[in-house]
Amino acid sequence: MFGIGIARGMLLTLRHLFKQPFTFQYPEERRPIPENARTNLLWFEERCTGCSTCAQACPDGCILVQTSPNAEDGTLNIDRYEIDFRLCMYCGLCVEACPYEAIQAGGPYDDAVYDFGALYRDKHALTAMAQEYLRTHDWTYPIGKVAPKPEERDLRLGKASRGVGAFTPDVGLGGGPTPIPMAGEKGDRRPGNVAPPPSSGNRAPSS
């Protein structure tokens, strides 16, 4: 019985000698990442309007967006954009929420660090990370679209987040969620629309 087991094992080994190997010689060889893989997040400033929709969609609260108004054209200056990858669970909800595809999944999956605090990245670290990805992927976003090169990059590919032309009924303010009109308001198309009850000052006293 002992000799039969060795023979079966050697037979299995010989059989796989003539097949294509399943393994990759990492890090020299890297497995291609699918388009919608939930790997590291990449933030592309040229597509961001500062609407904070991604931060609102994050269940872990690991995205911080701080903006200031630009009085010249009604857009928002992105003063701070930070992601705490120590808290991120890579659910991809921020990616789905962003109307301008400014934050995308598909970044490097070998993001191991010795300093745990290095996983908290500000806008400068995130921009360097995104530009490194584009340089090594023929200036193509993870979603497959062509990205502008640094010498031809046009910032704010999305619409203005504030000011004239910022609001559209289909997208909302700067890409945020479209406000739903309350019952009785103009534009309410919900079935069974009724007028709101009278205010407390006009309410008749109960008997």
N, C-alpha and C. Protein backbone atom coordinates (compact mmCIF):
# COMPACT_ATOMS: atom_id res chain seq x y z
N MET A 1 0.83 -1.20 0.00
CA MET A 1 0.00 0.00 0.00
C MET A 1 0.87 1.26 0.00
N PHE A 2 1.98 1.19 0.74
CA PHE A 2 2.86 2.36 0.82
C PHE A 2 3.45 2.69 -0.55
N GLY A 3 3.86 1.68 -1.29
CA GLY A 3 4.43 1.92 -2.61
C GLY A 3 3.41 2.42 -3.62
N ILE A 4 2.16 1.97 -3.47
CA ILE A 4 1.10 2.42 -4.38
C ILE A 4 0.83 3.91 -4.19
N GLY A 5 0.85 4.37 -2.96
CA GLY A 5 0.62 5.80 -2.70
C GLY A 5 1.69 6.67 -3.32
N ILE A 6 2.96 6.23 -3.21
CA ILE A 6 4.06 6.99 -3.81
C ILE A 6 3.91 7.02 -5.33
N ALA A 7 3.50 5.91 -5.90
CA ALA A 7 3.35 5.83 -7.36
C ALA A 7 2.23 6.75 -7.84
N ARG A 8 1.16 6.81 -7.09
CA ARG A 8 0.06 7.71 -7.47
C ARG A 8 0.50 9.16 -7.38
N GLY A 9 1.23 9.50 -6.34
CA GLY A 9 1.70 10.87 -6.20
C GLY A 9 2.65 11.27 -7.32
N MET A 10 3.57 10.39 -7.66
CA MET A 10 4.50 10.68 -8.75
C MET A 10 3.78 10.78 -10.09
N LEU A 11 2.74 9.95 -10.27
CA LEU A 11 1.96 10.00 -11.50
C LEU A 11 1.25 11.35 -11.64
N LEU A 12 0.73 11.85 -10.52
CA LEU A 12 0.08 13.16 -10.54
C LEU A 12 1.08 14.27 -10.85
N THR A 13 2.29 14.15 -10.29
CA THR A 13 3.33 15.14 -10.58
C THR A 13 3.73 15.12 -12.04
N LEU A 14 3.92 13.93 -12.60
CA LEU A 14 4.29 13.83 -14.01
C LEU A 14 3.19 14.36 -14.93
N ARG A 15 1.97 14.18 -14.52
CA ARG A 15 0.85 14.64 -15.33
C ARG A 15 0.85 16.16 -15.44
N HIS A 16 1.20 16.86 -14.35
CA HIS A 16 1.18 18.32 -14.34
C HIS A 16 2.44 18.92 -14.95
N LEU A 17 3.44 18.11 -15.22
CA LEU A 17 4.65 18.64 -15.86
C LEU A 17 4.39 19.12 -17.27
N PHE A 18 3.37 18.61 -17.91
CA PHE A 18 3.09 18.95 -19.29
C PHE A 18 1.89 19.89 -19.43
N LYS A 19 1.46 20.50 -18.31
CA LYS A 19 0.35 21.43 -18.33
C LYS A 19 0.85 22.84 -18.04
N GLN A 20 0.05 23.82 -18.46
CA GLN A 20 0.38 25.22 -18.20
C GLN A 20 0.31 25.48 -16.69
N PRO A 21 1.33 26.10 -16.09
CA PRO A 21 1.31 26.32 -14.64
C PRO A 21 0.22 27.33 -14.25
N PHE A 22 -0.34 27.11 -13.07
CA PHE A 22 -1.38 28.00 -12.56
C PHE A 22 -0.81 29.19 -11.81
N THR A 23 0.39 29.09 -11.34
CA THR A 23 0.98 30.10 -10.48
C THR A 23 1.64 31.21 -11.29
N PHE A 24 1.79 32.37 -10.64
CA PHE A 24 2.52 33.50 -11.20
C PHE A 24 3.79 33.71 -10.39
N GLN A 25 4.86 34.03 -11.06
CA GLN A 25 6.12 34.29 -10.39
C GLN A 25 6.13 35.72 -9.87
N TYR A 26 5.37 35.92 -8.77
CA TYR A 26 5.25 37.25 -8.18
C TYR A 26 6.54 37.59 -7.44
N PRO A 27 7.06 38.83 -7.50
CA PRO A 27 6.46 40.02 -8.14
C PRO A 27 6.88 40.26 -9.58
N GLU A 28 7.71 39.38 -10.15
CA GLU A 28 8.08 39.59 -11.55
C GLU A 28 6.86 39.49 -12.47
N GLU A 29 5.97 38.58 -12.17
CA GLU A 29 4.73 38.43 -12.93
C GLU A 29 3.56 38.79 -12.02
N ARG A 30 2.60 39.51 -12.57
CA ARG A 30 1.45 39.93 -11.78
C ARG A 30 0.17 39.55 -12.49
N ARG A 31 -0.75 39.06 -11.71
CA ARG A 31 -2.04 38.67 -12.26
C ARG A 31 -2.80 39.92 -12.71
N PRO A 32 -3.35 39.92 -13.90
CA PRO A 32 -4.13 41.09 -14.34
C PRO A 32 -5.36 41.31 -13.46
N ILE A 33 -5.61 42.56 -13.13
CA ILE A 33 -6.72 42.91 -12.25
C ILE A 33 -7.97 43.16 -13.08
N PRO A 34 -9.09 42.51 -12.78
CA PRO A 34 -10.33 42.77 -13.53
C PRO A 34 -10.76 44.23 -13.39
N GLU A 35 -11.63 44.66 -14.28
CA GLU A 35 -11.99 46.07 -14.34
C GLU A 35 -12.69 46.53 -13.08
N ASN A 36 -13.55 45.72 -12.50
CA ASN A 36 -14.33 46.13 -11.33
C ASN A 36 -13.86 45.44 -10.04
N ALA A 37 -12.60 45.06 -9.99
CA ALA A 37 -12.08 44.41 -8.79
C ALA A 37 -12.03 45.40 -7.63
N ARG A 38 -12.38 44.93 -6.45
CA ARG A 38 -12.38 45.79 -5.26
C ARG A 38 -11.00 45.80 -4.62
N THR A 39 -10.05 46.36 -5.34
CA THR A 39 -8.71 46.52 -4.79
C THR A 39 -8.59 47.93 -4.24
N ASN A 40 -7.38 48.46 -4.17
CA ASN A 40 -7.17 49.78 -3.59
C ASN A 40 -7.92 50.86 -4.36
N LEU A 41 -8.33 51.89 -3.63
CA LEU A 41 -9.06 52.99 -4.23
C LEU A 41 -8.09 54.00 -4.81
N LEU A 42 -8.46 54.56 -5.95
CA LEU A 42 -7.67 55.60 -6.60
C LEU A 42 -8.54 56.83 -6.75
N TRP A 43 -7.98 57.98 -6.35
CA TRP A 43 -8.71 59.26 -6.45
C TRP A 43 -8.04 60.12 -7.51
N PHE A 44 -8.84 60.56 -8.49
CA PHE A 44 -8.34 61.38 -9.59
C PHE A 44 -8.87 62.79 -9.44
N GLU A 45 -7.99 63.70 -9.06
CA GLU A 45 -8.40 65.07 -8.75
C GLU A 45 -8.99 65.78 -9.96
N GLU A 46 -8.52 65.45 -11.15
CA GLU A 46 -9.01 66.13 -12.34
C GLU A 46 -10.47 65.84 -12.62
N ARG A 47 -11.03 64.80 -12.01
CA ARG A 47 -12.43 64.45 -12.21
C ARG A 47 -13.30 64.85 -11.03
N CYS A 48 -12.70 65.31 -9.96
CA CYS A 48 -13.43 65.57 -8.71
C CYS A 48 -13.97 66.99 -8.67
N THR A 49 -15.20 67.16 -8.22
CA THR A 49 -15.82 68.47 -8.05
C THR A 49 -15.95 68.87 -6.58
N GLY A 50 -15.59 67.98 -5.67
CA GLY A 50 -15.69 68.29 -4.26
C GLY A 50 -17.10 68.22 -3.71
N CYS A 51 -17.97 67.44 -4.34
CA CYS A 51 -19.37 67.38 -3.91
C CYS A 51 -19.57 66.57 -2.62
N SER A 52 -18.57 65.77 -2.24
CA SER A 52 -18.60 64.98 -0.99
C SER A 52 -19.60 63.84 -1.02
N THR A 53 -20.08 63.46 -2.20
CA THR A 53 -21.00 62.35 -2.28
C THR A 53 -20.34 61.05 -1.83
N CYS A 54 -19.06 60.88 -2.14
CA CYS A 54 -18.34 59.67 -1.73
C CYS A 54 -18.24 59.58 -0.21
N ALA A 55 -17.97 60.72 0.43
CA ALA A 55 -17.86 60.72 1.89
C ALA A 55 -19.20 60.41 2.54
N GLN A 56 -20.29 60.89 1.95
CA GLN A 56 -21.62 60.60 2.49
C GLN A 56 -22.00 59.14 2.31
N ALA A 57 -21.50 58.52 1.24
CA ALA A 57 -21.85 57.13 0.98
C ALA A 57 -21.01 56.15 1.78
N CYS A 58 -19.88 56.59 2.33
CA CYS A 58 -18.98 55.68 3.03
C CYS A 58 -19.56 55.25 4.37
N PRO A 59 -19.81 53.96 4.60
CA PRO A 59 -20.38 53.52 5.88
C PRO A 59 -19.38 53.55 7.02
N ASP A 60 -18.08 53.57 6.70
CA ASP A 60 -17.05 53.59 7.74
C ASP A 60 -16.56 54.99 8.08
N GLY A 61 -16.95 55.97 7.30
CA GLY A 61 -16.51 57.34 7.55
C GLY A 61 -15.03 57.53 7.37
N CYS A 62 -14.44 56.85 6.42
CA CYS A 62 -12.99 56.94 6.24
C CYS A 62 -12.59 57.94 5.16
N ILE A 63 -13.54 58.67 4.59
CA ILE A 63 -13.23 59.68 3.57
C ILE A 63 -13.54 61.06 4.14
N LEU A 64 -12.57 61.96 4.04
CA LEU A 64 -12.72 63.34 4.50
C LEU A 64 -12.56 64.28 3.32
N VAL A 65 -13.56 65.14 3.12
CA VAL A 65 -13.52 66.13 2.04
C VAL A 65 -13.76 67.49 2.65
N GLN A 66 -12.84 68.43 2.40
CA GLN A 66 -13.00 69.80 2.87
C GLN A 66 -12.78 70.74 1.69
N THR A 67 -13.75 71.60 1.45
CA THR A 67 -13.72 72.48 0.29
C THR A 67 -13.93 73.93 0.71
N SER A 68 -13.63 74.81 -0.21
CA SER A 68 -13.90 76.24 -0.05
C SER A 68 -14.43 76.77 -1.37
N PRO A 69 -15.37 77.73 -1.33
CA PRO A 69 -15.98 78.21 -2.59
C PRO A 69 -15.00 79.05 -3.41
N ASN A 70 -15.10 78.89 -4.71
CA ASN A 70 -14.35 79.69 -5.66
C ASN A 70 -15.30 80.71 -6.27
N ALA A 71 -15.11 81.98 -5.90
CA ALA A 71 -16.05 83.02 -6.31
C ALA A 71 -15.99 83.33 -7.79
N GLU A 72 -14.93 82.93 -8.47
CA GLU A 72 -14.77 83.30 -9.88
C GLU A 72 -15.70 82.51 -10.79
N ASP A 73 -15.73 81.17 -10.61
CA ASP A 73 -16.52 80.35 -11.52
C ASP A 73 -17.56 79.49 -10.82
N GLY A 74 -17.73 79.65 -9.53
CA GLY A 74 -18.75 78.90 -8.81
C GLY A 74 -18.39 77.48 -8.48
N THR A 75 -17.14 77.08 -8.67
CA THR A 75 -16.73 75.72 -8.33
C THR A 75 -16.22 75.68 -6.89
N LEU A 76 -15.80 74.52 -6.47
CA LEU A 76 -15.26 74.33 -5.13
C LEU A 76 -13.78 74.00 -5.22
N ASN A 77 -12.99 74.68 -4.40
CA ASN A 77 -11.60 74.33 -4.25
C ASN A 77 -11.48 73.17 -3.27
N ILE A 78 -10.80 72.12 -3.67
CA ILE A 78 -10.64 70.96 -2.81
C ILE A 78 -9.43 71.18 -1.92
N ASP A 79 -9.68 71.66 -0.71
CA ASP A 79 -8.59 71.95 0.22
C ASP A 79 -8.03 70.67 0.83
N ARG A 80 -8.90 69.75 1.16
CA ARG A 80 -8.46 68.47 1.75
C ARG A 80 -9.29 67.34 1.16
N TYR A 81 -8.60 66.28 0.80
CA TYR A 81 -9.26 65.04 0.41
C TYR A 81 -8.40 63.91 0.96
N GLU A 82 -8.93 63.20 1.93
CA GLU A 82 -8.14 62.20 2.65
C GLU A 82 -8.94 60.91 2.79
N ILE A 83 -8.23 59.79 2.68
CA ILE A 83 -8.83 58.47 2.85
C ILE A 83 -8.03 57.72 3.89
N ASP A 84 -8.72 57.19 4.88
CA ASP A 84 -8.09 56.39 5.93
C ASP A 84 -8.25 54.92 5.55
N PHE A 85 -7.23 54.36 4.92
CA PHE A 85 -7.30 52.97 4.49
C PHE A 85 -7.20 51.99 5.67
N ARG A 86 -6.94 52.51 6.86
CA ARG A 86 -6.96 51.64 8.04
C ARG A 86 -8.39 51.24 8.39
N LEU A 87 -9.35 52.05 7.98
CA LEU A 87 -10.76 51.78 8.27
C LEU A 87 -11.51 51.23 7.07
N CYS A 88 -10.98 51.46 5.87
CA CYS A 88 -11.69 51.08 4.65
C CYS A 88 -11.87 49.57 4.57
N MET A 89 -13.09 49.15 4.21
CA MET A 89 -13.37 47.73 4.03
C MET A 89 -13.58 47.38 2.56
N TYR A 90 -13.27 48.35 1.67
CA TYR A 90 -13.28 48.12 0.22
C TYR A 90 -14.65 47.61 -0.26
N CYS A 91 -15.70 48.22 0.25
CA CYS A 91 -17.04 47.83 -0.17
C CYS A 91 -17.40 48.40 -1.53
N GLY A 92 -16.75 49.49 -1.93
CA GLY A 92 -17.00 50.09 -3.23
C GLY A 92 -18.21 51.00 -3.30
N LEU A 93 -18.83 51.33 -2.17
CA LEU A 93 -20.01 52.20 -2.20
C LEU A 93 -19.65 53.61 -2.64
N CYS A 94 -18.46 54.07 -2.28
CA CYS A 94 -18.04 55.40 -2.71
C CYS A 94 -17.83 55.44 -4.22
N VAL A 95 -17.36 54.34 -4.77
CA VAL A 95 -17.15 54.26 -6.22
C VAL A 95 -18.49 54.33 -6.95
N GLU A 96 -19.48 53.63 -6.44
CA GLU A 96 -20.80 53.64 -7.06
C GLU A 96 -21.50 54.99 -6.91
N ALA A 97 -21.21 55.69 -5.80
CA ALA A 97 -21.91 56.95 -5.53
C ALA A 97 -21.36 58.11 -6.35
N CYS A 98 -20.09 58.08 -6.70
CA CYS A 98 -19.46 59.22 -7.38
C CYS A 98 -20.03 59.37 -8.78
N PRO A 99 -20.65 60.52 -9.10
CA PRO A 99 -21.25 60.70 -10.42
C PRO A 99 -20.24 61.00 -11.52
N TYR A 100 -19.02 61.36 -11.14
CA TYR A 100 -18.01 61.74 -12.13
C TYR A 100 -16.85 60.77 -12.19
N GLU A 101 -16.99 59.63 -11.51
CA GLU A 101 -15.95 58.59 -11.53
C GLU A 101 -14.60 59.13 -11.10
N ALA A 102 -14.63 60.01 -10.10
CA ALA A 102 -13.39 60.57 -9.58
C ALA A 102 -12.67 59.60 -8.65
N ILE A 103 -13.40 58.71 -8.02
CA ILE A 103 -12.80 57.68 -7.18
C ILE A 103 -13.15 56.32 -7.77
N GLN A 104 -12.13 55.52 -8.03
CA GLN A 104 -12.31 54.26 -8.73
C GLN A 104 -11.54 53.16 -8.01
N ALA A 105 -12.07 51.96 -8.08
CA ALA A 105 -11.36 50.80 -7.57
C ALA A 105 -10.50 50.23 -8.69
N GLY A 106 -9.50 49.46 -8.31
CA GLY A 106 -8.61 48.87 -9.29
C GLY A 106 -7.16 49.24 -9.09
N GLY A 107 -6.85 49.84 -7.93
CA GLY A 107 -5.48 50.23 -7.64
C GLY A 107 -4.61 49.05 -7.26
N PRO A 108 -3.38 49.31 -6.85
CA PRO A 108 -2.45 48.22 -6.51
C PRO A 108 -2.94 47.41 -5.31
N TYR A 109 -2.74 46.11 -5.38
CA TYR A 109 -3.17 45.23 -4.29
C TYR A 109 -2.01 44.83 -3.38
N ASP A 110 -0.82 45.34 -3.65
CA ASP A 110 0.34 45.03 -2.81
C ASP A 110 0.68 46.22 -1.91
N ASP A 111 -0.36 46.75 -1.29
CA ASP A 111 -0.21 47.98 -0.51
C ASP A 111 0.08 47.67 0.95
N ALA A 112 1.16 46.95 1.21
CA ALA A 112 1.55 46.62 2.59
C ALA A 112 2.59 47.62 3.07
N VAL A 113 2.44 48.07 4.31
CA VAL A 113 3.36 49.05 4.88
C VAL A 113 3.79 48.59 6.27
N TYR A 114 4.96 49.07 6.70
CA TYR A 114 5.43 48.79 8.04
C TYR A 114 4.88 49.80 9.04
N ASP A 115 4.62 51.02 8.57
CA ASP A 115 4.05 52.07 9.41
C ASP A 115 2.55 52.10 9.21
N PHE A 116 1.80 51.75 10.24
CA PHE A 116 0.34 51.69 10.12
C PHE A 116 -0.25 53.05 9.80
N GLY A 117 0.39 54.11 10.28
CA GLY A 117 -0.12 55.45 10.01
C GLY A 117 0.03 55.87 8.56
N ALA A 118 0.88 55.16 7.80
CA ALA A 118 1.06 55.50 6.38
C ALA A 118 -0.17 55.17 5.56
N LEU A 119 -1.09 54.39 6.12
CA LEU A 119 -2.32 54.07 5.39
C LEU A 119 -3.33 55.20 5.43
N TYR A 120 -3.04 56.26 6.19
CA TYR A 120 -3.87 57.47 6.15
C TYR A 120 -3.24 58.41 5.14
N ARG A 121 -3.93 58.65 4.03
CA ARG A 121 -3.32 59.38 2.91
C ARG A 121 -4.11 60.64 2.60
N ASP A 122 -3.37 61.74 2.45
CA ASP A 122 -3.99 63.00 2.09
C ASP A 122 -4.05 63.14 0.58
N LYS A 123 -4.49 64.30 0.09
CA LYS A 123 -4.70 64.49 -1.34
C LYS A 123 -3.39 64.38 -2.13
N HIS A 124 -2.27 64.78 -1.53
CA HIS A 124 -1.00 64.71 -2.23
C HIS A 124 -0.54 63.26 -2.40
N ALA A 125 -0.69 62.47 -1.36
CA ALA A 125 -0.32 61.06 -1.46
C ALA A 125 -1.26 60.32 -2.40
N LEU A 126 -2.55 60.66 -2.36
CA LEU A 126 -3.51 60.01 -3.25
C LEU A 126 -3.25 60.39 -4.71
N THR A 127 -2.89 61.66 -4.95
CA THR A 127 -2.59 62.09 -6.31
C THR A 127 -1.35 61.39 -6.85
N ALA A 128 -0.31 61.28 -6.02
CA ALA A 128 0.90 60.57 -6.45
C ALA A 128 0.60 59.11 -6.74
N MET A 129 -0.26 58.52 -5.94
CA MET A 129 -0.65 57.13 -6.14
C MET A 129 -1.42 56.95 -7.45
N ALA A 130 -2.34 57.89 -7.74
CA ALA A 130 -3.13 57.81 -8.96
C ALA A 130 -2.27 58.05 -10.20
N GLN A 131 -1.35 59.02 -10.11
CA GLN A 131 -0.49 59.30 -11.27
C GLN A 131 0.46 58.16 -11.56
N GLU A 132 0.92 57.49 -10.51
CA GLU A 132 1.78 56.32 -10.72
C GLU A 132 1.02 55.21 -11.42
N TYR A 133 -0.25 55.05 -11.04
CA TYR A 133 -1.06 54.04 -11.72
C TYR A 133 -1.23 54.39 -13.20
N LEU A 134 -1.53 55.64 -13.50
CA LEU A 134 -1.74 56.03 -14.89
C LEU A 134 -0.47 55.88 -15.72
N ARG A 135 0.67 56.21 -15.12
CA ARG A 135 1.93 56.08 -15.86
C ARG A 135 2.23 54.64 -16.23
N THR A 136 1.86 53.73 -15.37
CA THR A 136 2.15 52.32 -15.61
C THR A 136 1.02 51.59 -16.33
N HIS A 137 -0.05 52.29 -16.68
CA HIS A 137 -1.18 51.67 -17.38
C HIS A 137 -1.56 52.46 -18.62
N ASP A 138 -0.58 53.04 -19.28
CA ASP A 138 -0.77 53.70 -20.56
C ASP A 138 -1.84 54.79 -20.47
N TRP A 139 -1.86 55.53 -19.36
CA TRP A 139 -2.78 56.65 -19.15
C TRP A 139 -4.22 56.24 -19.42
N THR A 140 -4.60 55.15 -18.78
CA THR A 140 -5.96 54.63 -18.87
C THR A 140 -6.50 54.43 -17.46
N TYR A 141 -7.70 54.92 -17.20
CA TYR A 141 -8.32 54.74 -15.90
C TYR A 141 -8.66 53.27 -15.67
N PRO A 142 -8.84 52.87 -14.40
CA PRO A 142 -9.24 51.47 -14.14
C PRO A 142 -10.54 51.07 -14.82
N ILE A 143 -11.41 52.02 -15.09
CA ILE A 143 -12.68 51.70 -15.72
C ILE A 143 -12.55 51.57 -17.23
N GLY A 144 -11.35 51.80 -17.78
CA GLY A 144 -11.12 51.62 -19.20
C GLY A 144 -11.10 52.89 -20.02
N LYS A 145 -11.45 54.03 -19.45
CA LYS A 145 -11.46 55.28 -20.19
C LYS A 145 -10.04 55.87 -20.26
N VAL A 146 -9.80 56.64 -21.30
CA VAL A 146 -8.49 57.27 -21.49
C VAL A 146 -8.38 58.48 -20.57
N ALA A 147 -7.26 58.58 -19.86
CA ALA A 147 -7.02 59.68 -18.94
C ALA A 147 -6.14 60.73 -19.60
N PRO A 148 -6.34 62.02 -19.27
CA PRO A 148 -5.47 63.06 -19.82
C PRO A 148 -4.08 62.99 -19.21
N LYS A 149 -3.08 63.25 -20.03
CA LYS A 149 -1.70 63.28 -19.55
C LYS A 149 -1.44 64.58 -18.81
N PRO A 150 -0.37 64.65 -18.01
CA PRO A 150 -0.13 65.88 -17.23
C PRO A 150 -0.05 67.14 -18.07
N GLU A 151 0.54 67.07 -19.26
CA GLU A 151 0.68 68.27 -20.08
C GLU A 151 -0.63 68.68 -20.74
N GLU A 152 -1.63 67.82 -20.75
CA GLU A 152 -2.91 68.15 -21.36
C GLU A 152 -4.06 67.98 -20.40
N ARG A 153 -3.75 67.87 -19.11
CA ARG A 153 -4.79 67.59 -18.14
C ARG A 153 -5.65 68.81 -17.90
N ASP A 154 -6.94 68.65 -18.02
CA ASP A 154 -7.92 69.70 -17.78
C ASP A 154 -8.61 69.39 -16.46
N LEU A 155 -8.33 70.17 -15.45
CA LEU A 155 -8.91 69.91 -14.14
C LEU A 155 -10.42 70.11 -14.17
N ARG A 156 -11.08 69.42 -13.24
CA ARG A 156 -12.53 69.51 -13.05
C ARG A 156 -13.27 69.10 -14.32
N LEU A 157 -13.15 67.83 -14.66
CA LEU A 157 -13.90 67.32 -15.81
C LEU A 157 -15.38 67.27 -15.52
N GLY A 158 -15.74 67.23 -14.23
CA GLY A 158 -17.16 67.24 -13.87
C GLY A 158 -17.73 68.65 -13.93
N LYS A 159 -19.01 68.77 -13.61
CA LYS A 159 -19.66 70.07 -13.64
C LYS A 159 -19.38 70.82 -12.35
N ALA A 160 -19.69 72.10 -12.35
CA ALA A 160 -19.45 72.92 -11.16
C ALA A 160 -20.28 72.40 -9.99
N SER A 161 -19.69 72.48 -8.79
CA SER A 161 -20.39 72.02 -7.61
C SER A 161 -21.20 73.12 -6.95
N ARG A 162 -20.94 74.36 -7.31
CA ARG A 162 -21.68 75.48 -6.76
C ARG A 162 -21.89 76.51 -7.86
N GLY A 163 -22.78 77.44 -7.63
CA GLY A 163 -22.94 78.56 -8.53
C GLY A 163 -23.85 78.25 -9.72
N VAL A 164 -23.76 79.12 -10.73
CA VAL A 164 -24.62 79.02 -11.90
C VAL A 164 -24.32 77.74 -12.66
N GLY A 165 -25.36 77.01 -13.01
CA GLY A 165 -25.20 75.79 -13.78
C GLY A 165 -24.78 74.58 -12.98
N ALA A 166 -24.74 74.72 -11.66
CA ALA A 166 -24.29 73.60 -10.85
C ALA A 166 -25.38 72.56 -10.63
N PHE A 167 -26.63 73.00 -10.57
CA PHE A 167 -27.71 72.07 -10.27
C PHE A 167 -28.38 71.58 -11.54
N THR A 168 -28.58 70.31 -11.63
CA THR A 168 -29.37 69.71 -12.70
C THR A 168 -30.34 68.73 -12.06
N PRO A 169 -31.56 68.60 -12.56
CA PRO A 169 -32.53 67.71 -11.93
C PRO A 169 -32.10 66.25 -11.92
N ASP A 170 -31.31 65.84 -12.93
CA ASP A 170 -30.93 64.44 -13.02
C ASP A 170 -29.79 64.08 -12.06
N VAL A 171 -28.94 65.06 -11.76
CA VAL A 171 -27.75 64.78 -10.96
C VAL A 171 -27.84 65.40 -9.59
N GLY A 172 -28.35 66.62 -9.51
CA GLY A 172 -28.39 67.28 -8.22
C GLY A 172 -27.31 68.35 -8.15
N LEU A 173 -27.02 68.82 -6.97
CA LEU A 173 -26.04 69.88 -6.76
C LEU A 173 -24.64 69.29 -6.76
N GLY A 174 -23.89 69.59 -7.80
CA GLY A 174 -22.52 69.11 -7.87
C GLY A 174 -22.40 67.61 -7.89
N GLY A 175 -23.41 66.92 -8.39
CA GLY A 175 -23.35 65.47 -8.43
C GLY A 175 -23.94 64.80 -7.22
N GLY A 176 -24.45 65.59 -6.27
CA GLY A 176 -25.03 65.00 -5.07
C GLY A 176 -26.36 64.35 -5.35
N PRO A 177 -26.98 63.79 -4.33
CA PRO A 177 -28.27 63.12 -4.55
C PRO A 177 -29.36 64.10 -4.95
N THR A 178 -30.22 63.68 -5.86
CA THR A 178 -31.31 64.54 -6.30
C THR A 178 -32.32 64.69 -5.17
N PRO A 179 -32.64 65.94 -4.77
CA PRO A 179 -33.59 66.11 -3.67
C PRO A 179 -34.98 65.63 -4.06
N ILE A 180 -35.64 64.95 -3.15
CA ILE A 180 -36.99 64.44 -3.38
C ILE A 180 -37.99 65.44 -2.80
N PRO A 181 -38.90 65.98 -3.62
CA PRO A 181 -39.86 66.96 -3.11
C PRO A 181 -40.79 66.33 -2.09
N MET A 182 -41.14 67.10 -1.07
CA MET A 182 -42.05 66.63 -0.05
C MET A 182 -43.47 66.63 -0.59
N ALA A 183 -44.36 65.95 0.10
CA ALA A 183 -45.75 65.86 -0.32
C ALA A 183 -46.37 67.24 -0.38
N GLY A 184 -47.04 67.52 -1.49
CA GLY A 184 -47.70 68.81 -1.65
C GLY A 184 -46.86 69.85 -2.33
N GLU A 185 -45.55 69.63 -2.46
CA GLU A 185 -44.69 70.59 -3.12
C GLU A 185 -44.80 70.45 -4.64
N LYS A 186 -44.45 71.51 -5.34
CA LYS A 186 -44.50 71.50 -6.79
C LYS A 186 -43.45 70.52 -7.32
N GLY A 187 -43.87 69.66 -8.22
CA GLY A 187 -42.95 68.68 -8.79
C GLY A 187 -43.04 67.32 -8.15
N ASP A 188 -43.90 67.17 -7.14
CA ASP A 188 -44.08 65.88 -6.51
C ASP A 188 -44.95 65.00 -7.40
N ARG A 189 -44.40 63.92 -7.93
CA ARG A 189 -45.13 63.04 -8.83
C ARG A 189 -45.49 61.72 -8.18
N ARG A 190 -45.33 61.63 -6.87
CA ARG A 190 -45.64 60.37 -6.21
C ARG A 190 -47.15 60.13 -6.21
N PRO A 191 -47.57 58.89 -6.29
CA PRO A 191 -49.01 58.60 -6.25
C PRO A 191 -49.58 58.94 -4.89
N GLY A 192 -50.83 59.39 -4.91
CA GLY A 192 -51.50 59.72 -3.66
C GLY A 192 -50.98 60.99 -3.04
N ASN A 193 -50.56 61.94 -3.87
CA ASN A 193 -50.03 63.20 -3.36
C ASN A 193 -51.13 64.00 -2.69
N VAL A 194 -50.88 64.36 -1.46
CA VAL A 194 -51.85 65.15 -0.71
C VAL A 194 -51.14 66.36 -0.16
N ALA A 195 -51.91 67.39 0.12
CA ALA A 195 -51.35 68.61 0.68
C ALA A 195 -50.91 68.36 2.11
N PRO A 196 -49.87 69.06 2.56
CA PRO A 196 -49.42 68.87 3.94
C PRO A 196 -50.45 69.37 4.93
N PRO A 197 -50.48 68.83 6.14
CA PRO A 197 -51.45 69.28 7.15
C PRO A 197 -51.18 70.72 7.53
N PRO A 198 -52.20 71.44 7.98
CA PRO A 198 -52.01 72.85 8.37
C PRO A 198 -51.07 72.95 9.55
N SER A 199 -50.42 74.11 9.65
CA SER A 199 -49.48 74.33 10.75
C SER A 199 -50.23 74.40 12.06
N SER A 200 -49.46 74.33 13.14
CA SER A 200 -50.08 74.29 14.47
C SER A 200 -50.80 75.59 14.79
N GLY A 201 -50.32 76.72 14.15
CA GLY A 201 -50.98 78.00 14.45
C GLY A 201 -52.36 78.10 13.85
N ASN A 202 -52.62 77.37 12.72
CA ASN A 202 -53.92 77.44 12.08
C ASN A 202 -54.79 76.24 12.39
N ARG A 203 -54.31 75.32 13.22
CA ARG A 203 -55.06 74.11 13.49
C ARG A 203 -56.23 74.41 14.44
N ALA A 204 -57.39 73.87 14.08
CA ALA A 204 -58.57 74.08 14.90
C ALA A 204 -58.43 73.30 16.20
N PRO A 205 -58.92 73.85 17.31
CA PRO A 205 -58.81 73.14 18.59
C PRO A 205 -59.64 71.86 18.57
N SER A 206 -59.12 70.85 19.18
CA SER A 206 -59.84 69.56 19.23
C SER A 206 -60.96 69.64 20.23
N SER A 207 -62.06 68.93 19.94
CA SER A 207 -63.23 68.96 20.82
C SER A 207 -63.04 67.99 21.97
